[in-house]
Amino acid sequence: MAALNVKIKDLCLKNPVMTASGTFGYGLEFADFVPLEEIGGIIVKGTTLNPRQGNDYPRMAETPQGMLNCVGLQNKGVDYFAKHIYPQIKDIDTNMIVNVSGSSPEDYAECAARVDALDRIPAIELNISCPNVKDGGMAFGVTCAGAASVVKAVRQRYSKTLIVKLSPNVTNITEIAKAVEAEGADSVSLINTLMGMSIDIEKRRSRLSIGTGGLSGPAVKPVAVRMVWQVAKAVKIPVVGLGGIMTAEDAIEFLMAGATAIEIGTANFIDPAVTIKVRDGISNWLDSHGCKSVQEIIGVV
């Protein structure tokens, strides 16, 4: 069997398959469907410094080849996570990673520092697609300066592996990637959701409470593969690819485009065992093509 292990700075993954934040809960919800310890890494739902109620309902809508969501980072805050969730997940034998969000660089940094204190959380994924309250609601991740400001603040307070999740809603994603790399990001993950909208023509209004939402699922995959390919050539740090991965073949496209690891998101809602199926599918493909390691196909395109 081909070796599946990969490394993202100090983060050692037994295989390149991870779960995307917001689609796998805290992992515990999927324990009846898959052996959690066999997944390369589990990225838990978005966590903020203070509790958030999220947006009003409706906040999810099905679309052709995907879905829209505007959940709005509903969570009970980092202190609740540390006290109530962390004790339940700390002994799962895989990489438990926290997705950190905020409304200012200071918020991000403080939240990251509190996660840093949790011994069994080896990495965070920084969601810089959040609205910058001080800058009229523009997401941090859509400008080099905004993205860099968050990473710089977090890097001063966070000592472990730092993955930065990039927004695709930009004109040049490679410039954003290089900006966060320069401020100390250990890896970048991409893509986050694409902004979209769906209208109910009988009710004559958006199907989402706030009008627009993030598009995910198979429809975004070609865009995601293209961006991963571009970013992997532009930075020296590892790239994590995500966006519409439903099968092992999809995952292999991302790996060949330059991703060291991948994340599966929307597919978890369709098949809760998809992560293990994709892992096995990658393994079978490597074996059938005479590859001794997954490293042989990373970035071959």
C-alpha atoms as a PDB file:
ATOM      1  CA  MET A   1       0.000   0.000   0.000  1.00  0.00           C
ATOM      2  CA  ALA A   2       1.172   3.515  -0.836  1.00  0.00           C
ATOM      3  CA  ALA A   3       2.166   5.774   2.060  1.00  0.00           C
ATOM      4  CA  LEU A   4      -0.513   8.402   2.675  1.00  0.00           C
ATOM      5  CA  ASN A   5       1.125  10.470   5.407  1.00  0.00           C
ATOM      6  CA  VAL A   6       1.777  14.168   4.762  1.00  0.00           C
ATOM      7  CA  LYS A   7       3.124  17.034   6.853  1.00  0.00           C
ATOM      8  CA  ILE A   8       2.056  20.657   7.310  1.00  0.00           C
ATOM      9  CA  LYS A   9       4.908  22.245   9.247  1.00  0.00           C
ATOM     10  CA  ASP A  10       4.790  20.408  12.617  1.00  0.00           C
ATOM     11  CA  LEU A  11       1.410  18.856  11.869  1.00  0.00           C
ATOM     12  CA  CYS A  12       1.761  15.197  10.895  1.00  0.00           C
ATOM     13  CA  LEU A  13      -1.290  13.781   9.101  1.00  0.00           C
ATOM     14  CA  LYS A  14      -1.699  10.019   8.723  1.00  0.00           C
ATOM     15  CA  ASN A  15      -3.462  10.753   5.426  1.00  0.00           C
ATOM     16  CA  PRO A  16      -4.246  13.932   3.462  1.00  0.00           C
ATOM     17  CA  VAL A  17      -8.010  13.912   4.113  1.00  0.00           C
ATOM     18  CA  MET A  18      -9.426  16.462   6.572  1.00  0.00           C
ATOM     19  CA  THR A  19     -12.903  17.807   7.248  1.00  0.00           C
ATOM     20  CA  ALA A  20     -13.909  21.381   6.445  1.00  0.00           C
ATOM     21  CA  SER A  21     -15.038  23.607   9.289  1.00  0.00           C
ATOM     22  CA  GLY A  22     -18.779  23.975   9.717  1.00  0.00           C
ATOM     23  CA  THR A  23     -19.615  20.702   7.977  1.00  0.00           C
ATOM     24  CA  PHE A  24     -18.509  18.171  10.603  1.00  0.00           C
ATOM     25  CA  GLY A  25     -19.572  19.747  13.895  1.00  0.00           C
ATOM     26  CA  TYR A  26     -17.006  18.926  16.563  1.00  0.00           C
ATOM     27  CA  GLY A  27     -16.414  15.477  15.081  1.00  0.00           C
ATOM     28  CA  LEU A  28     -18.416  13.787  17.811  1.00  0.00           C
ATOM     29  CA  GLU A  29     -21.584  14.059  15.741  1.00  0.00           C
ATOM     30  CA  PHE A  30     -20.048  11.765  13.106  1.00  0.00           C
ATOM     31  CA  ALA A  31     -18.592   9.132  15.455  1.00  0.00           C
ATOM     32  CA  ASP A  32     -21.438   6.698  14.667  1.00  0.00           C
ATOM     33  CA  PHE A  33     -20.647   6.860  10.948  1.00  0.00           C
ATOM     34  CA  VAL A  34     -16.849   6.870  10.637  1.00  0.00           C
ATOM     35  CA  PRO A  35     -13.852   5.983  12.844  1.00  0.00           C
ATOM     36  CA  LEU A  36     -12.732   9.528  13.629  1.00  0.00           C
ATOM     37  CA  GLU A  37      -9.141   8.496  14.329  1.00  0.00           C
ATOM     38  CA  GLU A  38      -8.763   7.353  10.701  1.00  0.00           C
ATOM     39  CA  ILE A  39      -9.337  10.860   9.322  1.00  0.00           C
ATOM     40  CA  GLY A  40      -6.155  12.902   8.757  1.00  0.00           C
ATOM     41  CA  GLY A  41      -7.518  15.913  10.611  1.00  0.00           C
ATOM     42  CA  ILE A  42     -10.843  17.241  11.888  1.00  0.00           C
ATOM     43  CA  ILE A  43     -11.393  20.992  11.684  1.00  0.00           C
ATOM     44  CA  VAL A  44     -14.163  21.862  14.111  1.00  0.00           C
ATOM     45  CA  LYS A  45     -16.840  24.489  13.556  1.00  0.00           C
ATOM     46  CA  GLY A  46     -15.926  28.173  13.630  1.00  0.00           C
ATOM     47  CA  THR A  47     -15.070  29.468  17.105  1.00  0.00           C
ATOM     48  CA  THR A  48     -15.073  33.119  18.171  1.00  0.00           C
ATOM     49  CA  LEU A  49     -13.912  34.985  21.259  1.00  0.00           C
ATOM     50  CA  ASN A  50     -17.489  35.691  22.384  1.00  0.00           C
ATOM     51  CA  PRO A  51     -20.701  33.716  21.799  1.00  0.00           C
ATOM     52  CA  ARG A  52     -22.528  34.402  18.520  1.00  0.00           C
ATOM     53  CA  GLN A  53     -26.192  33.743  17.718  1.00  0.00           C
ATOM     54  CA  GLY A  54     -25.651  33.597  13.969  1.00  0.00           C
ATOM     55  CA  ASN A  55     -28.068  34.946  11.375  1.00  0.00           C
ATOM     56  CA  ASP A  56     -31.836  34.585  11.312  1.00  0.00           C
ATOM     57  CA  TYR A  57     -33.456  31.666   9.517  1.00  0.00           C
ATOM     58  CA  PRO A  58     -33.660  30.689   6.704  1.00  0.00           C
ATOM     59  CA  ARG A  59     -29.894  30.393   6.398  1.00  0.00           C
ATOM     60  CA  MET A  60     -29.401  27.448   4.058  1.00  0.00           C
ATOM     61  CA  ALA A  61     -30.658  26.911   0.522  1.00  0.00           C
ATOM     62  CA  GLU A  62     -30.033  24.083  -1.922  1.00  0.00           C
ATOM     63  CA  THR A  63     -28.756  25.028  -5.375  1.00  0.00           C
ATOM     64  CA  PRO A  64     -27.937  23.011  -8.491  1.00  0.00           C
ATOM     65  CA  GLN A  65     -24.630  21.259  -7.725  1.00  0.00           C
ATOM     66  CA  GLY A  66     -24.272  22.803  -4.285  1.00  0.00           C
ATOM     67  CA  MET A  67     -25.742  24.833  -1.460  1.00  0.00           C
ATOM     68  CA  LEU A  68     -25.788  28.354  -0.073  1.00  0.00           C
ATOM     69  CA  ASN A  69     -25.398  29.137   3.616  1.00  0.00           C
ATOM     70  CA  CYS A  70     -25.393  32.228   5.803  1.00  0.00           C
ATOM     71  CA  VAL A  71     -25.229  30.527   9.216  1.00  0.00           C
ATOM     72  CA  GLY A  72     -23.137  33.395  10.557  1.00  0.00           C
ATOM     73  CA  LEU A  73     -20.644  31.548  12.765  1.00  0.00           C
ATOM     74  CA  GLN A  74     -23.156  30.533  15.425  1.00  0.00           C
ATOM     75  CA  ASN A  75     -21.177  29.199  18.404  1.00  0.00           C
ATOM     76  CA  LYS A  76     -20.953  29.525  22.183  1.00  0.00           C
ATOM     77  CA  GLY A  77     -17.504  31.130  22.257  1.00  0.00           C
ATOM     78  CA  VAL A  78     -13.973  29.923  22.917  1.00  0.00           C
ATOM     79  CA  ASP A  79     -14.324  29.644  26.697  1.00  0.00           C
ATOM     80  CA  TYR A  80     -17.337  27.346  26.325  1.00  0.00           C
ATOM     81  CA  PHE A  81     -15.351  25.310  23.801  1.00  0.00           C
ATOM     82  CA  ALA A  82     -12.395  25.001  26.184  1.00  0.00           C
ATOM     83  CA  LYS A  83     -14.544  24.003  29.141  1.00  0.00           C
ATOM     84  CA  HIS A  84     -17.172  21.753  27.572  1.00  0.00           C
ATOM     85  CA  ILE A  85     -16.092  20.576  24.097  1.00  0.00           C
ATOM     86  CA  TYR A  86     -12.327  20.211  24.442  1.00  0.00           C
ATOM     87  CA  PRO A  87     -12.535  17.552  27.206  1.00  0.00           C
ATOM     88  CA  GLN A  88     -14.715  15.426  24.879  1.00  0.00           C
ATOM     89  CA  ILE A  89     -12.446  15.631  21.820  1.00  0.00           C
ATOM     90  CA  LYS A  90      -8.906  15.915  23.213  1.00  0.00           C
ATOM     91  CA  ASP A  91      -8.304  12.156  23.255  1.00  0.00           C
ATOM     92  CA  ILE A  92      -9.480  11.442  19.710  1.00  0.00           C
ATOM     93  CA  ASP A  93      -6.397  10.013  18.007  1.00  0.00           C
ATOM     94  CA  THR A  94      -6.140  12.459  15.121  1.00  0.00           C
ATOM     95  CA  ASN A  95      -5.388  16.157  14.599  1.00  0.00           C
ATOM     96  CA  MET A  96      -8.200  18.172  16.156  1.00  0.00           C
ATOM     97  CA  ILE A  97      -7.950  21.662  14.678  1.00  0.00           C
ATOM     98  CA  VAL A  98      -9.976  24.727  15.682  1.00  0.00           C
ATOM     99  CA  ASN A  99     -11.278  27.185  13.091  1.00  0.00           C
ATOM    100  CA  VAL A 100     -10.871  30.674  14.601  1.00  0.00           C
ATOM    101  CA  SER A 101     -12.905  33.702  13.535  1.00  0.00           C
ATOM    102  CA  GLY A 102     -13.192  37.301  14.721  1.00  0.00           C
ATOM    103  CA  SER A 103     -14.242  40.871  14.007  1.00  0.00           C
ATOM    104  CA  SER A 104     -10.890  42.560  14.685  1.00  0.00           C
ATOM    105  CA  PRO A 105      -7.232  41.480  14.746  1.00  0.00           C
ATOM    106  CA  GLU A 106      -7.351  41.747  18.533  1.00  0.00           C
ATOM    107  CA  ASP A 107     -10.372  39.405  18.700  1.00  0.00           C
ATOM    108  CA  TYR A 108      -8.641  36.848  16.513  1.00  0.00           C
ATOM    109  CA  ALA A 109      -5.432  37.037  18.536  1.00  0.00           C
ATOM    110  CA  GLU A 110      -7.145  36.649  21.895  1.00  0.00           C
ATOM    111  CA  CYS A 111      -9.234  33.717  20.689  1.00  0.00           C
ATOM    112  CA  ALA A 112      -6.135  32.057  19.206  1.00  0.00           C
ATOM    113  CA  ALA A 113      -4.189  32.577  22.446  1.00  0.00           C
ATOM    114  CA  ARG A 114      -6.886  30.776  24.433  1.00  0.00           C
ATOM    115  CA  VAL A 115      -6.823  27.869  21.982  1.00  0.00           C
ATOM    116  CA  ASP A 116      -3.009  27.859  22.187  1.00  0.00           C
ATOM    117  CA  ALA A 117      -3.341  26.952  25.876  1.00  0.00           C
ATOM    118  CA  LEU A 118      -5.126  23.685  24.989  1.00  0.00           C
ATOM    119  CA  ASP A 119      -2.383  21.043  24.786  1.00  0.00           C
ATOM    120  CA  ARG A 120      -4.167  18.609  22.468  1.00  0.00           C
ATOM    121  CA  ILE A 121      -5.109  21.160  19.784  1.00  0.00           C
ATOM    122  CA  PRO A 122      -2.016  21.195  17.518  1.00  0.00           C
ATOM    123  CA  ALA A 123      -3.169  23.797  14.996  1.00  0.00           C
ATOM    124  CA  ILE A 124      -5.737  26.439  14.158  1.00  0.00           C
ATOM    125  CA  GLU A 125      -7.302  27.421  10.859  1.00  0.00           C
ATOM    126  CA  LEU A 126      -7.804  31.173  10.663  1.00  0.00           C
ATOM    127  CA  ASN A 127     -10.987  32.223   8.881  1.00  0.00           C
ATOM    128  CA  ILE A 128     -10.160  35.635   7.404  1.00  0.00           C
ATOM    129  CA  SER A 129     -13.404  35.803   5.419  1.00  0.00           C
ATOM    130  CA  CYS A 130     -15.061  37.485   8.410  1.00  0.00           C
ATOM    131  CA  PRO A 131     -16.405  41.064   8.169  1.00  0.00           C
ATOM    132  CA  ASN A 132     -14.004  43.702   9.500  1.00  0.00           C
ATOM    133  CA  VAL A 133     -16.220  45.719  11.848  1.00  0.00           C
ATOM    134  CA  LYS A 134     -13.802  48.664  11.849  1.00  0.00           C
ATOM    135  CA  ASP A 135     -13.705  48.794   8.056  1.00  0.00           C
ATOM    136  CA  GLY A 136     -17.370  48.924   7.141  1.00  0.00           C
ATOM    137  CA  GLY A 137     -17.924  45.186   6.981  1.00  0.00           C
ATOM    138  CA  MET A 138     -15.390  44.340   4.275  1.00  0.00           C
ATOM    139  CA  ALA A 139     -13.879  40.911   4.863  1.00  0.00           C
ATOM    140  CA  PHE A 140     -10.284  40.876   6.127  1.00  0.00           C
ATOM    141  CA  GLY A 141      -9.362  38.330   3.493  1.00  0.00           C
ATOM    142  CA  VAL A 142     -10.119  40.463   0.444  1.00  0.00           C
ATOM    143  CA  THR A 143      -7.158  42.833   0.844  1.00  0.00           C
ATOM    144  CA  CYS A 144      -3.484  42.087   1.433  1.00  0.00           C
ATOM    145  CA  ALA A 145      -3.341  44.625   4.273  1.00  0.00           C
ATOM    146  CA  GLY A 146      -6.427  43.222   5.992  1.00  0.00           C
ATOM    147  CA  ALA A 147      -5.272  39.619   5.730  1.00  0.00           C
ATOM    148  CA  ALA A 148      -1.758  40.484   6.875  1.00  0.00           C
ATOM    149  CA  SER A 149      -3.031  42.450   9.887  1.00  0.00           C
ATOM    150  CA  VAL A 150      -4.932  39.447  11.252  1.00  0.00           C
ATOM    151  CA  VAL A 151      -2.099  36.971  10.699  1.00  0.00           C
ATOM    152  CA  LYS A 152       0.458  39.315  12.248  1.00  0.00           C
ATOM    153  CA  ALA A 153      -1.675  39.800  15.377  1.00  0.00           C
ATOM    154  CA  VAL A 154      -2.352  36.075  15.755  1.00  0.00           C
ATOM    155  CA  ARG A 155       1.255  35.035  15.125  1.00  0.00           C
ATOM    156  CA  GLN A 156       2.353  37.159  18.099  1.00  0.00           C
ATOM    157  CA  ARG A 157       0.024  35.231  20.403  1.00  0.00           C
ATOM    158  CA  TYR A 158      -0.100  31.759  18.844  1.00  0.00           C
ATOM    159  CA  SER A 159       2.847  29.340  18.801  1.00  0.00           C
ATOM    160  CA  LYS A 160       1.564  26.221  17.016  1.00  0.00           C
ATOM    161  CA  THR A 161       0.797  25.428  13.374  1.00  0.00           C
ATOM    162  CA  LEU A 162      -1.152  28.274  11.775  1.00  0.00           C
ATOM    163  CA  ILE A 163      -3.268  27.576   8.689  1.00  0.00           C
ATOM    164  CA  VAL A 164      -4.929  30.594   7.062  1.00  0.00           C
ATOM    165  CA  LYS A 165      -8.163  30.019   5.124  1.00  0.00           C
ATOM    166  CA  LEU A 166      -8.348  32.246   2.068  1.00  0.00           C
ATOM    167  CA  SER A 167     -11.404  33.838   0.498  1.00  0.00           C
ATOM    168  CA  PRO A 168     -11.961  33.291  -3.235  1.00  0.00           C
ATOM    169  CA  ASN A 169     -13.901  36.556  -3.503  1.00  0.00           C
ATOM    170  CA  VAL A 170     -10.823  38.493  -4.627  1.00  0.00           C
ATOM    171  CA  THR A 171      -9.187  39.558  -7.877  1.00  0.00           C
ATOM    172  CA  ASN A 172      -5.770  37.996  -7.185  1.00  0.00           C
ATOM    173  CA  ILE A 173      -5.649  35.249  -4.569  1.00  0.00           C
ATOM    174  CA  THR A 174      -1.892  34.713  -4.961  1.00  0.00           C
ATOM    175  CA  GLU A 175      -1.178  38.194  -3.593  1.00  0.00           C
ATOM    176  CA  ILE A 176      -3.277  37.483  -0.492  1.00  0.00           C
ATOM    177  CA  ALA A 177      -1.488  34.148  -0.038  1.00  0.00           C
ATOM    178  CA  LYS A 178       1.927  35.787  -0.253  1.00  0.00           C
ATOM    179  CA  ALA A 179       0.852  38.499   2.217  1.00  0.00           C
ATOM    180  CA  VAL A 180      -0.141  35.973   4.899  1.00  0.00           C
ATOM    181  CA  GLU A 181       2.947  33.863   4.226  1.00  0.00           C
ATOM    182  CA  ALA A 182       5.101  36.938   4.865  1.00  0.00           C
ATOM    183  CA  GLU A 183       3.433  37.452   8.266  1.00  0.00           C
ATOM    184  CA  GLY A 184       4.100  33.913   9.466  1.00  0.00           C
ATOM    185  CA  ALA A 185       1.349  31.646   8.153  1.00  0.00           C
ATOM    186  CA  ASP A 186       2.542  28.023   8.138  1.00  0.00           C
ATOM    187  CA  SER A 187      -0.010  26.993   5.511  1.00  0.00           C
ATOM    188  CA  VAL A 188      -2.952  28.324   3.541  1.00  0.00           C
ATOM    189  CA  SER A 189      -6.256  26.550   2.925  1.00  0.00           C
ATOM    190  CA  LEU A 190      -8.502  27.450   0.012  1.00  0.00           C
ATOM    191  CA  ILE A 191     -11.094  28.076  -1.066  1.00  0.00           C
ATOM    192  CA  ASN A 192     -13.694  29.351   1.341  1.00  0.00           C
ATOM    193  CA  THR A 193     -17.182  29.760  -0.098  1.00  0.00           C
ATOM    194  CA  LEU A 194     -17.997  31.932  -3.109  1.00  0.00           C
ATOM    195  CA  MET A 195     -20.599  34.646  -2.565  1.00  0.00           C
ATOM    196  CA  GLY A 196     -23.918  33.719  -4.161  1.00  0.00           C
ATOM    197  CA  MET A 197     -27.638  34.293  -4.098  1.00  0.00           C
ATOM    198  CA  SER A 198     -30.839  32.382  -4.834  1.00  0.00           C
ATOM    199  CA  ILE A 199     -34.283  33.958  -5.259  1.00  0.00           C
ATOM    200  CA  ASP A 200     -37.688  32.422  -4.589  1.00  0.00           C
ATOM    201  CA  ILE A 201     -39.654  33.803  -7.528  1.00  0.00           C
ATOM    202  CA  GLU A 202     -43.065  33.094  -5.923  1.00  0.00           C
ATOM    203  CA  LYS A 203     -42.212  34.899  -2.680  1.00  0.00           C
ATOM    204  CA  ARG A 204     -40.149  37.467  -4.622  1.00  0.00           C
ATOM    205  CA  ARG A 205     -37.315  37.452  -2.137  1.00  0.00           C
ATOM    206  CA  SER A 206     -34.010  35.770  -1.419  1.00  0.00           C
ATOM    207  CA  ARG A 207     -34.074  32.252  -0.057  1.00  0.00           C
ATOM    208  CA  LEU A 208     -31.622  33.426   2.644  1.00  0.00           C
ATOM    209  CA  SER A 209     -32.460  35.789   5.503  1.00  0.00           C
ATOM    210  CA  ILE A 210     -29.621  38.206   4.758  1.00  0.00           C
ATOM    211  CA  GLY A 211     -29.912  38.041   0.980  1.00  0.00           C
ATOM    212  CA  THR A 212     -26.605  36.484   0.053  1.00  0.00           C
ATOM    213  CA  GLY A 213     -24.592  33.528   1.311  1.00  0.00           C
ATOM    214  CA  GLY A 214     -21.606  31.320   0.686  1.00  0.00           C
ATOM    215  CA  LEU A 215     -21.799  28.854  -2.201  1.00  0.00           C
ATOM    216  CA  SER A 216     -20.201  25.434  -1.676  1.00  0.00           C
ATOM    217  CA  GLY A 217     -20.396  22.029  -3.311  1.00  0.00           C
ATOM    218  CA  PRO A 218     -19.415  20.583  -6.695  1.00  0.00           C
ATOM    219  CA  ALA A 219     -20.237  23.807  -8.562  1.00  0.00           C
ATOM    220  CA  VAL A 220     -17.205  25.577  -7.065  1.00  0.00           C
ATOM    221  CA  LYS A 221     -14.637  22.834  -7.697  1.00  0.00           C
ATOM    222  CA  PRO A 222     -13.145  24.092 -10.975  1.00  0.00           C
ATOM    223  CA  VAL A 223     -12.620  27.535  -9.435  1.00  0.00           C
ATOM    224  CA  ALA A 224     -11.066  25.977  -6.336  1.00  0.00           C
ATOM    225  CA  VAL A 225      -8.687  23.736  -8.301  1.00  0.00           C
ATOM    226  CA  ARG A 226      -7.555  26.717 -10.377  1.00  0.00           C
ATOM    227  CA  MET A 227      -6.869  28.840  -7.295  1.00  0.00           C
ATOM    228  CA  VAL A 228      -5.008  26.032  -5.502  1.00  0.00           C
ATOM    229  CA  TRP A 229      -2.842  25.554  -8.600  1.00  0.00           C
ATOM    230  CA  GLN A 230      -2.056  29.278  -8.735  1.00  0.00           C
ATOM    231  CA  VAL A 231      -1.309  29.625  -5.016  1.00  0.00           C
ATOM    232  CA  ALA A 232       0.808  26.469  -4.809  1.00  0.00           C
ATOM    233  CA  LYS A 233       3.145  27.975  -7.423  1.00  0.00           C
ATOM    234  CA  ALA A 234       3.269  31.347  -5.659  1.00  0.00           C
ATOM    235  CA  VAL A 235       4.120  30.379  -2.052  1.00  0.00           C
ATOM    236  CA  LYS A 236       6.626  28.098  -0.346  1.00  0.00           C
ATOM    237  CA  ILE A 237       4.312  26.979   2.472  1.00  0.00           C
ATOM    238  CA  PRO A 238       1.981  23.945   2.134  1.00  0.00           C
ATOM    239  CA  VAL A 239      -1.439  24.447   0.558  1.00  0.00           C
ATOM    240  CA  VAL A 240      -4.619  22.712   1.725  1.00  0.00           C
ATOM    241  CA  GLY A 241      -7.247  22.397  -1.004  1.00  0.00           C
ATOM    242  CA  LEU A 242     -11.010  22.373  -0.634  1.00  0.00           C
ATOM    243  CA  GLY A 243     -14.123  23.198  -2.590  1.00  0.00           C
ATOM    244  CA  GLY A 244     -16.600  20.706  -3.992  1.00  0.00           C
ATOM    245  CA  ILE A 245     -14.676  17.512  -3.257  1.00  0.00           C
ATOM    246  CA  MET A 246     -17.114  14.591  -3.482  1.00  0.00           C
ATOM    247  CA  THR A 247     -14.895  11.684  -4.549  1.00  0.00           C
ATOM    248  CA  ALA A 248     -11.316  10.428  -4.397  1.00  0.00           C
ATOM    249  CA  GLU A 249     -10.874  11.549  -7.997  1.00  0.00           C
ATOM    250  CA  ASP A 250     -11.819  15.105  -6.991  1.00  0.00           C
ATOM    251  CA  ALA A 251      -9.294  14.997  -4.144  1.00  0.00           C
ATOM    252  CA  ILE A 252      -6.556  13.733  -6.455  1.00  0.00           C
ATOM    253  CA  GLU A 253      -7.152  16.719  -8.764  1.00  0.00           C
ATOM    254  CA  PHE A 254      -6.400  19.050  -5.849  1.00  0.00           C
ATOM    255  CA  LEU A 255      -3.300  17.079  -4.887  1.00  0.00           C
ATOM    256  CA  MET A 256      -2.007  17.175  -8.450  1.00  0.00           C
ATOM    257  CA  ALA A 257      -2.705  20.928  -8.554  1.00  0.00           C
ATOM    258  CA  GLY A 258      -0.337  21.361  -5.607  1.00  0.00           C
ATOM    259  CA  ALA A 259      -2.317  20.710  -2.428  1.00  0.00           C
ATOM    260  CA  THR A 260      -0.490  18.818   0.323  1.00  0.00           C
ATOM    261  CA  ALA A 261      -3.816  17.900   1.952  1.00  0.00           C
ATOM    262  CA  ILE A 262      -7.512  18.402   1.241  1.00  0.00           C
ATOM    263  CA  GLU A 263     -10.695  19.155   3.177  1.00  0.00           C
ATOM    264  CA  ILE A 264     -14.141  17.710   2.535  1.00  0.00           C
ATOM    265  CA  GLY A 265     -17.130  19.906   3.357  1.00  0.00           C
ATOM    266  CA  THR A 266     -20.563  19.823   1.743  1.00  0.00           C
ATOM    267  CA  ALA A 267     -20.201  16.121   0.817  1.00  0.00           C
ATOM    268  CA  ASN A 268     -20.429  15.280   4.546  1.00  0.00           C
ATOM    269  CA  PHE A 269     -24.093  16.335   4.472  1.00  0.00           C
ATOM    270  CA  ILE A 270     -24.792  13.860   1.659  1.00  0.00           C
ATOM    271  CA  ASP A 271     -22.681  10.936   2.885  1.00  0.00           C
ATOM    272  CA  PRO A 272     -21.372  11.082   6.473  1.00  0.00           C
ATOM    273  CA  ALA A 273     -18.808   8.375   5.672  1.00  0.00           C
ATOM    274  CA  VAL A 274     -17.344  10.197   2.655  1.00  0.00           C
ATOM    275  CA  THR A 275     -14.020  11.057   4.327  1.00  0.00           C
ATOM    276  CA  ILE A 276     -13.002   7.420   4.744  1.00  0.00           C
ATOM    277  CA  LYS A 277     -14.265   6.531   1.277  1.00  0.00           C
ATOM    278  CA  VAL A 278     -12.124   9.302  -0.226  1.00  0.00           C
ATOM    279  CA  ARG A 279      -9.097   8.185   1.779  1.00  0.00           C
ATOM    280  CA  ASP A 280      -9.520   4.609   0.573  1.00  0.00           C
ATOM    281  CA  GLY A 281     -10.093   5.791  -2.972  1.00  0.00           C
ATOM    282  CA  ILE A 282      -6.850   7.785  -2.973  1.00  0.00           C
ATOM    283  CA  SER A 283      -5.007   4.747  -1.624  1.00  0.00           C
ATOM    284  CA  ASN A 284      -6.463   2.467  -4.305  1.00  0.00           C
ATOM    285  CA  TRP A 285      -5.640   4.925  -7.098  1.00  0.00           C
ATOM    286  CA  LEU A 286      -2.029   5.248  -5.932  1.00  0.00           C
ATOM    287  CA  ASP A 287      -1.656   1.473  -5.748  1.00  0.00           C
ATOM    288  CA  SER A 288      -3.176   0.931  -9.187  1.00  0.00           C
ATOM    289  CA  HIS A 289      -0.831   3.531 -10.679  1.00  0.00           C
ATOM    290  CA  GLY A 290       2.310   2.124  -9.078  1.00  0.00           C
ATOM    291  CA  CYS A 291       2.879   5.001  -6.660  1.00  0.00           C
ATOM    292  CA  LYS A 292       4.689   4.253  -3.417  1.00  0.00           C
ATOM    293  CA  SER A 293       3.581   7.494  -1.746  1.00  0.00           C
ATOM    294  CA  VAL A 294       1.004  10.242  -2.138  1.00  0.00           C
ATOM    295  CA  GLN A 295       3.969  12.620  -2.261  1.00  0.00           C
ATOM    296  CA  GLU A 296       4.609  11.425  -5.829  1.00  0.00           C
ATOM    297  CA  ILE A 297       1.503  13.160  -7.166  1.00  0.00           C
ATOM    298  CA  ILE A 298       1.479  16.387  -5.139  1.00  0.00           C
ATOM    299  CA  GLY A 299       1.957  19.315  -7.500  1.00  0.00           C
ATOM    300  CA  VAL A 300       2.661  17.254 -10.623  1.00  0.00           C
ATOM    301  CA  VAL A 301       0.556  19.527 -12.830  1.00  0.00           C
END
